Amino acid sequence: MDDFAAHIDPKRGFPWGNITDFEHFYKTHFVKMVVLCAKIAEDQDLSSQLVQEAFIKIWEKRESLKNVANPAAYLYQTVRNTALDYMRKMKRERVGVDIDPDAHQHEETDGKDEMLHFVRSASQKLPEKCRVIFEMAYFEGLSNAEIADYLDLSPLTVKKQKAIGVQKVKELLIPAMQTLLLLISYLTK
């Protein structure tokens, strides 16, 4: 079990009520968050900065976060969103600087990016706990044991939630894929 859970004041139920609790929360989760963030940003120093930025965001919004049920999952989502926002911003800036309009025409695309976009969109419709586990497993590449340890769940719960997530994502994607196949067959006639 996460040693932080024993440190939370049961009257408050959240780790950002005072600076001492927040410091402990920070020290407990910082390294884990940098490792997770590095899988997105692919740069250790940048990941460290982005995680610090996420902690600052949480501290600044602490009064509105009193009802967060799972502080560790909220932190994970905040770090992930901070990193993805930064990467999107950098990508936009690189594209904006690209002066050769034909530069991207020669890149091969095999549909993986489009499919990944569909899967990510479908995963956003999952219940929160299931979505977090699904994203950690399939987008961040974490093992069941790593996810279970981080979210303070049993590995069996993680395995079941992953299976539920996969099933629901499939159910969401099947109609879209059927429509796409019909469109392709119509266009090729």
N, C-alpha and C. Protein backbone atom coordinates (compact mmCIF):
# COMPACT_ATOMS: atom_id res chain seq x y z
N MET A 1 0.84 -1.19 0.00
CA MET A 1 0.00 0.00 0.00
C MET A 1 0.88 1.24 0.00
N ASP A 2 0.43 2.26 -0.64
CA ASP A 2 1.15 3.52 -0.69
C ASP A 2 1.32 4.04 0.73
N ASP A 3 2.57 4.31 1.13
CA ASP A 3 2.81 4.78 2.48
C ASP A 3 2.19 6.15 2.72
N PHE A 4 1.81 6.84 1.69
CA PHE A 4 1.19 8.15 1.85
C PHE A 4 -0.20 8.02 2.45
N ALA A 5 -0.90 6.92 2.13
CA ALA A 5 -2.27 6.76 2.60
C ALA A 5 -2.33 6.84 4.13
N ALA A 6 -1.32 6.31 4.79
CA ALA A 6 -1.30 6.36 6.25
C ALA A 6 -1.06 7.78 6.75
N HIS A 7 -0.51 8.64 5.92
CA HIS A 7 -0.16 10.00 6.31
C HIS A 7 -1.31 10.99 6.10
N ILE A 8 -2.31 10.61 5.33
CA ILE A 8 -3.43 11.51 5.05
C ILE A 8 -4.29 11.68 6.30
N ASP A 9 -4.62 12.90 6.60
CA ASP A 9 -5.51 13.21 7.71
C ASP A 9 -6.91 12.78 7.29
N PRO A 10 -7.53 11.80 7.98
CA PRO A 10 -8.84 11.29 7.55
C PRO A 10 -9.92 12.36 7.54
N LYS A 11 -9.76 13.43 8.33
CA LYS A 11 -10.75 14.50 8.31
C LYS A 11 -10.70 15.26 7.00
N ARG A 12 -9.50 15.40 6.44
CA ARG A 12 -9.33 16.13 5.18
C ARG A 12 -9.46 15.17 4.00
N GLY A 13 -8.76 14.05 4.06
CA GLY A 13 -8.84 13.05 3.00
C GLY A 13 -8.09 13.40 1.74
N PHE A 14 -7.28 14.44 1.73
CA PHE A 14 -6.52 14.80 0.53
C PHE A 14 -5.17 15.34 0.96
N PRO A 15 -4.16 15.19 0.10
CA PRO A 15 -2.79 15.49 0.49
C PRO A 15 -2.34 16.93 0.29
N TRP A 16 -3.22 17.80 -0.08
CA TRP A 16 -2.77 19.16 -0.36
C TRP A 16 -3.44 20.18 0.56
N GLY A 17 -3.86 19.74 1.72
CA GLY A 17 -4.49 20.64 2.68
C GLY A 17 -3.51 21.53 3.39
N ASN A 18 -2.30 21.06 3.54
CA ASN A 18 -1.27 21.90 4.16
C ASN A 18 0.07 21.57 3.51
N ILE A 19 1.04 22.41 3.76
CA ILE A 19 2.33 22.28 3.08
C ILE A 19 3.06 21.01 3.47
N THR A 20 2.92 20.55 4.72
CA THR A 20 3.60 19.33 5.16
C THR A 20 3.08 18.11 4.41
N ASP A 21 1.75 17.99 4.31
CA ASP A 21 1.16 16.87 3.58
C ASP A 21 1.54 16.94 2.10
N PHE A 22 1.52 18.14 1.55
CA PHE A 22 1.85 18.29 0.14
C PHE A 22 3.32 17.93 -0.13
N GLU A 23 4.21 18.35 0.76
CA GLU A 23 5.63 18.00 0.60
C GLU A 23 5.83 16.49 0.62
N HIS A 24 5.12 15.82 1.53
CA HIS A 24 5.23 14.36 1.59
C HIS A 24 4.68 13.72 0.31
N PHE A 25 3.57 14.22 -0.17
CA PHE A 25 2.97 13.74 -1.42
C PHE A 25 3.96 13.93 -2.57
N TYR A 26 4.57 15.10 -2.61
CA TYR A 26 5.57 15.42 -3.64
C TYR A 26 6.75 14.45 -3.58
N LYS A 27 7.31 14.28 -2.40
CA LYS A 27 8.48 13.40 -2.24
C LYS A 27 8.14 11.94 -2.55
N THR A 28 6.93 11.54 -2.23
CA THR A 28 6.50 10.16 -2.47
C THR A 28 6.32 9.88 -3.96
N HIS A 29 5.82 10.85 -4.72
CA HIS A 29 5.43 10.59 -6.11
C HIS A 29 6.32 11.22 -7.18
N PHE A 30 7.21 12.11 -6.81
CA PHE A 30 7.97 12.85 -7.81
C PHE A 30 8.74 11.94 -8.76
N VAL A 31 9.53 11.03 -8.24
CA VAL A 31 10.37 10.17 -9.09
C VAL A 31 9.51 9.31 -10.02
N LYS A 32 8.44 8.74 -9.48
CA LYS A 32 7.54 7.93 -10.31
C LYS A 32 6.97 8.76 -11.46
N MET A 33 6.59 9.98 -11.15
CA MET A 33 6.00 10.85 -12.18
C MET A 33 7.02 11.25 -13.24
N VAL A 34 8.27 11.46 -12.84
CA VAL A 34 9.31 11.80 -13.82
C VAL A 34 9.51 10.62 -14.77
N VAL A 35 9.53 9.41 -14.23
CA VAL A 35 9.70 8.21 -15.07
C VAL A 35 8.53 8.09 -16.05
N LEU A 36 7.31 8.28 -15.56
CA LEU A 36 6.14 8.21 -16.44
C LEU A 36 6.16 9.31 -17.49
N CYS A 37 6.51 10.50 -17.06
CA CYS A 37 6.54 11.65 -17.98
C CYS A 37 7.61 11.47 -19.05
N ALA A 38 8.73 10.86 -18.69
CA ALA A 38 9.82 10.65 -19.64
C ALA A 38 9.40 9.74 -20.78
N LYS A 39 8.39 8.91 -20.55
CA LYS A 39 7.89 8.05 -21.63
C LYS A 39 7.16 8.87 -22.68
N ILE A 40 6.68 10.04 -22.29
CA ILE A 40 6.00 10.93 -23.24
C ILE A 40 7.00 11.93 -23.82
N ALA A 41 7.74 12.59 -22.94
CA ALA A 41 8.63 13.67 -23.37
C ALA A 41 9.98 13.17 -23.87
N GLU A 42 10.36 11.96 -23.50
CA GLU A 42 11.62 11.34 -23.92
C GLU A 42 12.85 12.18 -23.56
N ASP A 43 12.77 12.92 -22.47
CA ASP A 43 13.88 13.75 -22.01
C ASP A 43 13.75 13.86 -20.49
N GLN A 44 14.73 13.37 -19.77
CA GLN A 44 14.68 13.33 -18.31
C GLN A 44 14.58 14.73 -17.69
N ASP A 45 15.41 15.66 -18.15
CA ASP A 45 15.39 17.01 -17.58
C ASP A 45 14.06 17.70 -17.87
N LEU A 46 13.59 17.59 -19.10
CA LEU A 46 12.31 18.17 -19.45
C LEU A 46 11.20 17.54 -18.62
N SER A 47 11.25 16.23 -18.45
CA SER A 47 10.23 15.52 -17.66
C SER A 47 10.21 16.03 -16.24
N SER A 48 11.37 16.25 -15.67
CA SER A 48 11.46 16.77 -14.31
C SER A 48 10.79 18.15 -14.22
N GLN A 49 11.03 18.99 -15.20
CA GLN A 49 10.42 20.33 -15.22
C GLN A 49 8.90 20.24 -15.38
N LEU A 50 8.45 19.34 -16.24
CA LEU A 50 7.01 19.21 -16.47
C LEU A 50 6.30 18.67 -15.23
N VAL A 51 6.94 17.74 -14.53
CA VAL A 51 6.35 17.21 -13.30
C VAL A 51 6.27 18.31 -12.24
N GLN A 52 7.32 19.10 -12.13
CA GLN A 52 7.27 20.21 -11.19
C GLN A 52 6.14 21.18 -11.55
N GLU A 53 5.98 21.44 -12.82
CA GLU A 53 4.89 22.31 -13.27
C GLU A 53 3.53 21.73 -12.89
N ALA A 54 3.37 20.41 -13.03
CA ALA A 54 2.12 19.75 -12.65
C ALA A 54 1.85 19.89 -11.15
N PHE A 55 2.88 19.70 -10.34
CA PHE A 55 2.71 19.87 -8.90
C PHE A 55 2.33 21.32 -8.56
N ILE A 56 2.91 22.27 -9.25
CA ILE A 56 2.57 23.68 -9.02
C ILE A 56 1.10 23.93 -9.37
N LYS A 57 0.65 23.37 -10.49
CA LYS A 57 -0.75 23.52 -10.88
C LYS A 57 -1.67 22.98 -9.78
N ILE A 58 -1.32 21.81 -9.26
CA ILE A 58 -2.14 21.20 -8.21
C ILE A 58 -2.15 22.08 -6.97
N TRP A 59 -0.98 22.56 -6.57
CA TRP A 59 -0.90 23.40 -5.38
C TRP A 59 -1.73 24.68 -5.56
N GLU A 60 -1.66 25.27 -6.73
CA GLU A 60 -2.41 26.51 -6.98
C GLU A 60 -3.92 26.27 -7.00
N LYS A 61 -4.34 25.07 -7.37
CA LYS A 61 -5.78 24.75 -7.44
C LYS A 61 -6.25 23.94 -6.24
N ARG A 62 -5.43 23.81 -5.20
CA ARG A 62 -5.70 22.89 -4.09
C ARG A 62 -7.06 23.08 -3.44
N GLU A 63 -7.54 24.31 -3.35
CA GLU A 63 -8.83 24.57 -2.69
C GLU A 63 -9.99 23.94 -3.46
N SER A 64 -9.85 23.86 -4.77
CA SER A 64 -10.94 23.27 -5.57
C SER A 64 -10.80 21.76 -5.74
N LEU A 65 -9.76 21.18 -5.15
CA LEU A 65 -9.49 19.75 -5.32
C LEU A 65 -9.80 18.93 -4.07
N LYS A 66 -10.55 19.48 -3.16
CA LYS A 66 -10.83 18.79 -1.89
C LYS A 66 -11.62 17.50 -2.06
N ASN A 67 -12.36 17.38 -3.13
CA ASN A 67 -13.20 16.19 -3.32
C ASN A 67 -12.58 15.16 -4.26
N VAL A 68 -11.31 15.30 -4.59
CA VAL A 68 -10.64 14.33 -5.45
C VAL A 68 -10.56 13.00 -4.70
N ALA A 69 -11.12 11.95 -5.28
CA ALA A 69 -11.19 10.66 -4.60
C ALA A 69 -9.84 9.94 -4.56
N ASN A 70 -9.05 10.06 -5.64
CA ASN A 70 -7.78 9.35 -5.72
C ASN A 70 -6.68 10.36 -6.09
N PRO A 71 -6.01 10.92 -5.11
CA PRO A 71 -5.00 11.94 -5.38
C PRO A 71 -3.88 11.45 -6.31
N ALA A 72 -3.46 10.20 -6.17
CA ALA A 72 -2.38 9.68 -7.03
C ALA A 72 -2.84 9.62 -8.48
N ALA A 73 -4.06 9.17 -8.72
CA ALA A 73 -4.58 9.11 -10.09
C ALA A 73 -4.76 10.52 -10.66
N TYR A 74 -5.19 11.45 -9.82
CA TYR A 74 -5.34 12.83 -10.26
C TYR A 74 -3.97 13.40 -10.64
N LEU A 75 -2.97 13.12 -9.83
CA LEU A 75 -1.61 13.58 -10.13
C LEU A 75 -1.13 12.99 -11.45
N TYR A 76 -1.33 11.68 -11.63
CA TYR A 76 -0.92 11.02 -12.88
C TYR A 76 -1.56 11.72 -14.07
N GLN A 77 -2.85 11.98 -13.99
CA GLN A 77 -3.56 12.60 -15.11
C GLN A 77 -3.05 14.02 -15.35
N THR A 78 -2.76 14.75 -14.27
CA THR A 78 -2.25 16.11 -14.42
C THR A 78 -0.88 16.12 -15.07
N VAL A 79 -0.01 15.21 -14.64
CA VAL A 79 1.32 15.11 -15.24
C VAL A 79 1.21 14.72 -16.71
N ARG A 80 0.39 13.74 -16.99
CA ARG A 80 0.21 13.27 -18.37
C ARG A 80 -0.30 14.41 -19.26
N ASN A 81 -1.31 15.12 -18.80
CA ASN A 81 -1.87 16.21 -19.59
C ASN A 81 -0.86 17.35 -19.77
N THR A 82 -0.09 17.65 -18.72
CA THR A 82 0.93 18.69 -18.82
C THR A 82 1.96 18.32 -19.87
N ALA A 83 2.40 17.06 -19.85
CA ALA A 83 3.40 16.60 -20.83
C ALA A 83 2.83 16.61 -22.24
N LEU A 84 1.61 16.11 -22.41
CA LEU A 84 1.01 16.07 -23.75
C LEU A 84 0.77 17.48 -24.28
N ASP A 85 0.33 18.38 -23.41
CA ASP A 85 0.13 19.77 -23.84
C ASP A 85 1.45 20.38 -24.31
N TYR A 86 2.52 20.13 -23.57
CA TYR A 86 3.82 20.66 -23.93
C TYR A 86 4.29 20.08 -25.28
N MET A 87 4.10 18.77 -25.45
CA MET A 87 4.53 18.12 -26.70
C MET A 87 3.72 18.65 -27.88
N ARG A 88 2.42 18.87 -27.69
CA ARG A 88 1.59 19.44 -28.76
C ARG A 88 2.06 20.84 -29.12
N LYS A 89 2.37 21.61 -28.09
CA LYS A 89 2.84 22.98 -28.31
C LYS A 89 4.14 22.97 -29.11
N MET A 90 5.06 22.10 -28.76
CA MET A 90 6.34 22.01 -29.47
C MET A 90 6.13 21.55 -30.90
N LYS A 91 5.21 20.62 -31.10
CA LYS A 91 4.92 20.13 -32.45
C LYS A 91 4.34 21.26 -33.31
N ARG A 92 3.42 22.05 -32.74
CA ARG A 92 2.84 23.18 -33.48
C ARG A 92 3.92 24.19 -33.84
N GLU A 93 4.83 24.45 -32.91
CA GLU A 93 5.90 25.41 -33.18
C GLU A 93 6.83 24.90 -34.28
N ARG A 94 7.13 23.60 -34.28
CA ARG A 94 7.99 23.03 -35.32
C ARG A 94 7.30 23.10 -36.67
N VAL A 95 6.01 22.78 -36.71
CA VAL A 95 5.26 22.83 -37.96
C VAL A 95 5.17 24.27 -38.45
N GLY A 96 4.98 25.22 -37.56
CA GLY A 96 4.89 26.63 -37.93
C GLY A 96 6.19 27.16 -38.50
N VAL A 97 7.31 26.59 -38.12
CA VAL A 97 8.61 27.04 -38.59
C VAL A 97 8.98 26.38 -39.91
N ASP A 98 8.32 25.28 -40.25
CA ASP A 98 8.62 24.53 -41.46
C ASP A 98 8.29 25.38 -42.69
N ILE A 99 9.31 25.79 -43.43
CA ILE A 99 9.08 26.68 -44.57
C ILE A 99 8.86 25.92 -45.88
N ASP A 100 9.12 24.62 -45.90
CA ASP A 100 8.93 23.82 -47.10
C ASP A 100 7.57 23.15 -47.04
N PRO A 101 6.56 23.63 -47.79
CA PRO A 101 5.23 23.05 -47.70
C PRO A 101 5.16 21.61 -48.21
N ASP A 102 6.13 21.18 -49.04
CA ASP A 102 6.12 19.81 -49.55
C ASP A 102 6.91 18.86 -48.66
N ALA A 103 7.48 19.34 -47.60
CA ALA A 103 8.35 18.51 -46.76
C ALA A 103 7.62 17.32 -46.18
N HIS A 104 6.36 17.45 -45.87
CA HIS A 104 5.62 16.36 -45.23
C HIS A 104 4.98 15.41 -46.24
N GLN A 105 4.99 15.75 -47.52
CA GLN A 105 4.36 14.91 -48.51
C GLN A 105 5.09 13.59 -48.68
N HIS A 106 6.38 13.57 -48.44
CA HIS A 106 7.16 12.38 -48.69
C HIS A 106 7.21 11.43 -47.50
N GLU A 107 6.63 11.85 -46.38
CA GLU A 107 6.60 10.98 -45.22
C GLU A 107 5.59 9.87 -45.47
N GLU A 108 5.96 8.66 -45.09
CA GLU A 108 5.05 7.53 -45.24
C GLU A 108 4.09 7.50 -44.07
N THR A 109 2.83 7.30 -44.37
CA THR A 109 1.86 7.10 -43.31
C THR A 109 1.15 5.80 -43.61
N ASP A 110 1.09 4.96 -42.61
CA ASP A 110 0.46 3.66 -42.81
C ASP A 110 -0.84 3.53 -42.01
N GLY A 111 -1.36 4.63 -41.53
CA GLY A 111 -2.62 4.58 -40.82
C GLY A 111 -2.49 4.36 -39.32
N LYS A 112 -1.28 4.11 -38.83
CA LYS A 112 -1.11 3.86 -37.40
C LYS A 112 -1.50 5.08 -36.58
N ASP A 113 -1.10 6.27 -37.02
CA ASP A 113 -1.44 7.48 -36.28
C ASP A 113 -2.95 7.68 -36.23
N GLU A 114 -3.62 7.44 -37.35
CA GLU A 114 -5.07 7.61 -37.39
C GLU A 114 -5.74 6.60 -36.48
N MET A 115 -5.27 5.35 -36.51
CA MET A 115 -5.86 4.32 -35.66
C MET A 115 -5.63 4.64 -34.19
N LEU A 116 -4.43 5.10 -33.86
CA LEU A 116 -4.12 5.46 -32.49
C LEU A 116 -5.03 6.61 -32.03
N HIS A 117 -5.30 7.54 -32.94
CA HIS A 117 -6.21 8.64 -32.61
C HIS A 117 -7.61 8.10 -32.28
N PHE A 118 -8.10 7.15 -33.07
CA PHE A 118 -9.41 6.55 -32.81
C PHE A 118 -9.43 5.84 -31.46
N VAL A 119 -8.36 5.10 -31.17
CA VAL A 119 -8.30 4.36 -29.90
C VAL A 119 -8.24 5.35 -28.73
N ARG A 120 -7.42 6.39 -28.85
CA ARG A 120 -7.34 7.40 -27.78
C ARG A 120 -8.70 8.07 -27.56
N SER A 121 -9.38 8.40 -28.64
CA SER A 121 -10.70 9.03 -28.52
C SER A 121 -11.68 8.09 -27.84
N ALA A 122 -11.66 6.83 -28.23
CA ALA A 122 -12.57 5.84 -27.63
C ALA A 122 -12.23 5.65 -26.15
N SER A 123 -10.95 5.65 -25.81
CA SER A 123 -10.56 5.44 -24.41
C SER A 123 -11.02 6.58 -23.52
N GLN A 124 -11.22 7.77 -24.08
CA GLN A 124 -11.69 8.90 -23.28
C GLN A 124 -13.13 8.70 -22.80
N LYS A 125 -13.84 7.76 -23.41
CA LYS A 125 -15.23 7.50 -23.03
C LYS A 125 -15.34 6.42 -21.95
N LEU A 126 -14.21 5.86 -21.52
CA LEU A 126 -14.20 4.85 -20.46
C LEU A 126 -14.42 5.51 -19.11
N PRO A 127 -14.94 4.74 -18.13
CA PRO A 127 -15.00 5.28 -16.77
C PRO A 127 -13.58 5.65 -16.30
N GLU A 128 -13.47 6.62 -15.40
CA GLU A 128 -12.17 7.19 -15.04
C GLU A 128 -11.14 6.15 -14.62
N LYS A 129 -11.47 5.30 -13.69
CA LYS A 129 -10.50 4.30 -13.20
C LYS A 129 -10.06 3.37 -14.33
N CYS A 130 -11.00 2.92 -15.10
CA CYS A 130 -10.72 2.04 -16.23
C CYS A 130 -9.85 2.77 -17.27
N ARG A 131 -10.18 4.03 -17.53
CA ARG A 131 -9.43 4.82 -18.52
C ARG A 131 -7.99 5.03 -18.08
N VAL A 132 -7.79 5.37 -16.81
CA VAL A 132 -6.44 5.59 -16.31
C VAL A 132 -5.61 4.32 -16.46
N ILE A 133 -6.18 3.18 -16.08
CA ILE A 133 -5.48 1.90 -16.19
C ILE A 133 -5.20 1.57 -17.66
N PHE A 134 -6.20 1.76 -18.52
CA PHE A 134 -6.04 1.49 -19.95
C PHE A 134 -4.91 2.33 -20.54
N GLU A 135 -4.89 3.62 -20.21
CA GLU A 135 -3.87 4.52 -20.75
C GLU A 135 -2.49 4.17 -20.21
N MET A 136 -2.40 3.85 -18.93
CA MET A 136 -1.10 3.50 -18.35
C MET A 136 -0.56 2.22 -18.99
N ALA A 137 -1.46 1.28 -19.27
CA ALA A 137 -1.04 0.00 -19.84
C ALA A 137 -0.70 0.12 -21.32
N TYR A 138 -1.58 0.71 -22.09
CA TYR A 138 -1.43 0.66 -23.55
C TYR A 138 -0.75 1.88 -24.16
N PHE A 139 -0.82 3.03 -23.52
CA PHE A 139 -0.17 4.21 -24.07
C PHE A 139 1.17 4.49 -23.40
N GLU A 140 1.27 4.14 -22.12
CA GLU A 140 2.52 4.39 -21.40
C GLU A 140 3.39 3.13 -21.30
N GLY A 141 2.83 1.96 -21.60
CA GLY A 141 3.59 0.73 -21.62
C GLY A 141 3.93 0.16 -20.25
N LEU A 142 3.15 0.49 -19.24
CA LEU A 142 3.44 -0.03 -17.90
C LEU A 142 2.86 -1.43 -17.73
N SER A 143 3.51 -2.22 -16.92
CA SER A 143 3.04 -3.58 -16.65
C SER A 143 1.91 -3.53 -15.63
N ASN A 144 1.19 -4.66 -15.50
CA ASN A 144 0.11 -4.75 -14.52
C ASN A 144 0.66 -4.49 -13.12
N ALA A 145 1.81 -5.05 -12.81
CA ALA A 145 2.40 -4.87 -11.48
C ALA A 145 2.75 -3.41 -11.22
N GLU A 146 3.30 -2.72 -12.21
CA GLU A 146 3.64 -1.30 -12.05
C GLU A 146 2.39 -0.46 -11.82
N ILE A 147 1.36 -0.74 -12.60
CA ILE A 147 0.10 0.00 -12.46
C ILE A 147 -0.51 -0.27 -11.09
N ALA A 148 -0.55 -1.54 -10.71
CA ALA A 148 -1.11 -1.92 -9.41
C ALA A 148 -0.37 -1.24 -8.27
N ASP A 149 0.95 -1.23 -8.36
CA ASP A 149 1.76 -0.60 -7.32
C ASP A 149 1.49 0.90 -7.27
N TYR A 150 1.45 1.53 -8.41
CA TYR A 150 1.27 2.98 -8.45
C TYR A 150 -0.11 3.40 -7.96
N LEU A 151 -1.15 2.70 -8.41
CA LEU A 151 -2.52 3.08 -8.06
C LEU A 151 -3.02 2.41 -6.79
N ASP A 152 -2.16 1.62 -6.16
CA ASP A 152 -2.50 0.92 -4.92
C ASP A 152 -3.71 0.02 -5.13
N LEU A 153 -3.63 -0.80 -6.18
CA LEU A 153 -4.67 -1.77 -6.51
C LEU A 153 -4.04 -3.15 -6.57
N SER A 154 -4.86 -4.17 -6.59
CA SER A 154 -4.31 -5.51 -6.77
C SER A 154 -4.04 -5.74 -8.26
N PRO A 155 -3.05 -6.56 -8.59
CA PRO A 155 -2.78 -6.85 -10.00
C PRO A 155 -3.99 -7.46 -10.71
N LEU A 156 -4.79 -8.23 -9.97
CA LEU A 156 -5.99 -8.83 -10.56
C LEU A 156 -7.00 -7.74 -10.96
N THR A 157 -7.15 -6.72 -10.12
CA THR A 157 -8.04 -5.61 -10.46
C THR A 157 -7.57 -4.91 -11.72
N VAL A 158 -6.25 -4.69 -11.81
CA VAL A 158 -5.69 -4.05 -13.00
C VAL A 158 -5.97 -4.90 -14.23
N LYS A 159 -5.74 -6.20 -14.12
CA LYS A 159 -5.97 -7.12 -15.25
C LYS A 159 -7.44 -7.08 -15.70
N LYS A 160 -8.35 -7.09 -14.73
CA LYS A 160 -9.78 -7.06 -15.07
C LYS A 160 -10.17 -5.73 -15.69
N GLN A 161 -9.65 -4.62 -15.14
CA GLN A 161 -9.97 -3.30 -15.69
C GLN A 161 -9.42 -3.14 -17.11
N LYS A 162 -8.23 -3.71 -17.35
CA LYS A 162 -7.68 -3.67 -18.72
C LYS A 162 -8.58 -4.43 -19.68
N ALA A 163 -9.05 -5.60 -19.26
CA ALA A 163 -9.93 -6.41 -20.11
C ALA A 163 -11.24 -5.67 -20.39
N ILE A 164 -11.79 -5.04 -19.36
CA ILE A 164 -13.02 -4.26 -19.54
C ILE A 164 -12.76 -3.10 -20.51
N GLY A 165 -11.64 -2.43 -20.33
CA GLY A 165 -11.28 -1.31 -21.20
C GLY A 165 -11.14 -1.73 -22.65
N VAL A 166 -10.45 -2.83 -22.88
CA VAL A 166 -10.26 -3.33 -24.25
C VAL A 166 -11.61 -3.67 -24.87
N GLN A 167 -12.47 -4.35 -24.10
CA GLN A 167 -13.78 -4.73 -24.62
C GLN A 167 -14.61 -3.50 -24.99
N LYS A 168 -14.62 -2.51 -24.10
CA LYS A 168 -15.42 -1.30 -24.37
C LYS A 168 -14.86 -0.50 -25.53
N VAL A 169 -13.54 -0.41 -25.64
CA VAL A 169 -12.93 0.31 -26.76
C VAL A 169 -13.28 -0.40 -28.07
N LYS A 170 -13.21 -1.74 -28.06
CA LYS A 170 -13.60 -2.49 -29.26
C LYS A 170 -15.05 -2.18 -29.64
N GLU A 171 -15.93 -2.19 -28.64
CA GLU A 171 -17.34 -1.91 -28.90
C GLU A 171 -17.53 -0.52 -29.49
N LEU A 172 -16.73 0.43 -29.03
CA LEU A 172 -16.83 1.79 -29.55
C LEU A 172 -16.25 1.92 -30.95
N LEU A 173 -15.22 1.13 -31.24
CA LEU A 173 -14.55 1.25 -32.54
C LEU A 173 -15.22 0.47 -33.66
N ILE A 174 -15.93 -0.59 -33.34
CA ILE A 174 -16.53 -1.43 -34.39
C ILE A 174 -17.46 -0.64 -35.30
N PRO A 175 -18.39 0.16 -34.77
CA PRO A 175 -19.25 0.94 -35.69
C PRO A 175 -18.45 1.89 -36.58
N ALA A 176 -17.43 2.51 -36.02
CA ALA A 176 -16.62 3.43 -36.81
C ALA A 176 -15.88 2.68 -37.92
N MET A 177 -15.36 1.51 -37.60
CA MET A 177 -14.64 0.72 -38.60
C MET A 177 -15.59 0.21 -39.68
N GLN A 178 -16.80 -0.19 -39.29
CA GLN A 178 -17.79 -0.64 -40.28
C GLN A 178 -18.14 0.49 -41.23
N THR A 179 -18.33 1.68 -40.69
CA THR A 179 -18.64 2.84 -41.52
C THR A 179 -17.49 3.14 -42.47
N LEU A 180 -16.27 3.06 -41.97
CA LEU A 180 -15.10 3.31 -42.79
C LEU A 180 -15.00 2.28 -43.92
N LEU A 181 -15.24 1.02 -43.62
CA LEU A 181 -15.19 -0.02 -44.64
C LEU A 181 -16.28 0.18 -45.70
N LEU A 182 -17.47 0.57 -45.27
CA LEU A 182 -18.53 0.85 -46.24
C LEU A 182 -18.16 2.01 -47.13
N LEU A 183 -17.58 3.05 -46.55
CA LEU A 183 -17.16 4.21 -47.32
C LEU A 183 -16.08 3.82 -48.33
N ILE A 184 -15.12 3.04 -47.91
CA ILE A 184 -14.03 2.59 -48.81
C ILE A 184 -14.60 1.76 -49.95
N SER A 185 -15.51 0.83 -49.61
CA SER A 185 -16.09 -0.02 -50.67
C SER A 185 -16.91 0.82 -51.64
N TYR A 186 -17.61 1.84 -51.14
CA TYR A 186 -18.40 2.71 -52.01
C TYR A 186 -17.48 3.53 -52.91
N LEU A 187 -16.39 4.05 -52.36
CA LEU A 187 -15.47 4.88 -53.14
C LEU A 187 -14.67 4.09 -54.18
N THR A 188 -14.47 2.80 -53.95
CA THR A 188 -13.69 2.00 -54.89
C THR A 188 -14.55 1.40 -56.00
N LYS A 189 -15.83 1.62 -55.98
CA LYS A 189 -16.71 1.08 -57.04
C LYS A 189 -16.69 1.96 -58.24
